[in-house]
C-alpha cells in the first residue's frame, strides 16, 4: 500500500482517506509521530481516560442499594418470560 501527501508551507499534511479510515481518525483527532527502529510512525493519540467515566453516578444510587441490585438480578434470573 502506498499513500502520499505533500507538506504545505506551514508544515501541514493531509492524511489520505484510506489511512484515516484504517486508523479510525475523525476530524479533530490528534496524531503523534514516533520514531521507532529508524522508522517514523504516525498513530492516533488515544486518551488513557475511560470515556464513560464522566457518566459514573449520573443516575444516582440504585434503589435499595446493593441488596436491591441483588434482588433485581435474582428476579430477572427467575423470570421465565425470556425463554
Protein backbone atom coordinates (compact mmCIF):
# COMPACT_ATOMS: atom_id res chain seq x y z
CA UNK A 1 0.00 0.00 0.00
CA UNK A 2 1.41 3.36 -0.96
CA UNK A 3 -0.15 6.66 0.07
CA UNK A 4 1.49 10.05 -0.09
CA UNK A 5 0.80 13.64 0.75
CA UNK A 6 2.55 16.98 0.20
CA UNK A 7 3.76 19.10 3.09
CA UNK A 8 2.36 22.63 2.97
CA UNK A 9 4.41 25.76 3.62
CA UNK A 10 3.11 25.62 7.21
CA UNK A 11 4.33 22.04 7.67
CA UNK A 12 0.84 20.58 7.39
CA UNK A 13 -0.04 17.33 5.65
CA UNK A 14 -3.34 15.77 4.64
CA UNK A 15 -3.70 12.20 5.86
CA UNK A 16 -5.08 10.15 2.96
CA UNK A 17 -8.65 8.92 3.42
CA UNK A 18 -7.66 5.24 3.36
CA UNK A 19 -5.20 5.83 6.20
CA UNK A 20 -7.76 7.86 8.21
CA UNK A 21 -10.24 5.01 7.89
CA UNK A 22 -7.64 2.40 8.82
CA UNK A 23 -6.64 4.36 11.94
CA UNK A 24 -10.21 5.35 12.83
CA UNK A 25 -9.37 9.05 12.65
CA UNK A 26 -12.08 11.69 12.70
CA UNK A 27 -11.83 15.47 12.24
CA UNK A 28 -10.31 16.99 15.38
CA UNK A 29 -8.46 13.81 16.41
CA UNK A 30 -4.81 14.13 17.35
CA UNK A 31 -1.98 12.06 15.93
CA UNK A 32 1.59 11.63 17.04
CA UNK A 33 4.74 10.94 15.07
CA UNK A 34 7.04 8.44 16.76
CA UNK A 35 10.47 7.28 15.63
CA UNK A 36 10.73 3.51 16.14
CA UNK A 37 13.72 1.49 14.99
CA UNK A 38 14.73 4.09 12.42
CA UNK A 39 11.20 4.49 11.02
CA UNK A 40 8.72 7.27 11.63
CA UNK A 41 5.28 6.03 12.58
CA UNK A 42 2.05 8.04 12.71
CA UNK A 43 -0.51 6.86 15.21
CA UNK A 44 -3.65 8.19 16.88
CA UNK A 45 -3.29 9.78 20.29
CA UNK A 46 -5.68 7.81 22.47
CA UNK A 47 -6.67 9.09 25.86
CA UNK A 48 -5.97 6.88 28.84
CA UNK A 49 -9.18 8.24 30.36
CA UNK A 50 -12.21 5.97 30.24
CA UNK A 51 -14.73 7.81 28.02
CA UNK A 52 -17.59 6.58 30.22
CA UNK A 53 -16.02 7.86 33.44
CA UNK A 54 -17.90 11.15 33.20
CA UNK A 55 -21.20 9.25 33.40
CA UNK A 56 -20.43 7.35 36.60
CA UNK A 57 -23.02 8.24 39.22
CA UNK A 58 -25.19 10.30 36.88
CA UNK A 59 -28.27 8.24 37.71
CA UNK A 60 -27.67 8.24 41.43
CA UNK A 61 -27.72 5.20 43.67
CA UNK A 62 -29.71 2.09 42.76
CA UNK A 63 -32.95 1.89 44.80
CA UNK A 64 -32.34 -0.45 47.73
CA UNK A 65 -28.57 -0.28 47.38
CA UNK A 66 -26.57 -3.48 46.94
CA UNK A 67 -29.40 -5.63 48.31
CA UNK A 68 -31.78 -4.03 45.81
CA UNK A 69 -29.42 -4.87 42.96
CA UNK A 70 -29.14 -8.49 44.11
CA UNK A 71 -32.93 -8.78 44.40
CA UNK A 72 -33.40 -7.27 40.93
CA UNK A 73 -30.88 -9.69 39.39
CA UNK A 74 -32.49 -12.66 41.17
CA UNK A 75 -35.88 -11.53 39.90
CA UNK A 76 -34.55 -11.23 36.34
CA UNK A 77 -33.00 -14.71 36.53
CA UNK A 78 -36.20 -16.30 37.80
CA UNK A 79 -38.37 -14.62 35.15
CA UNK A 80 -39.43 -17.35 32.69
CA UNK A 81 -40.73 -14.85 30.08
CA UNK A 82 -37.33 -14.56 28.44
CA UNK A 83 -37.20 -18.23 27.32
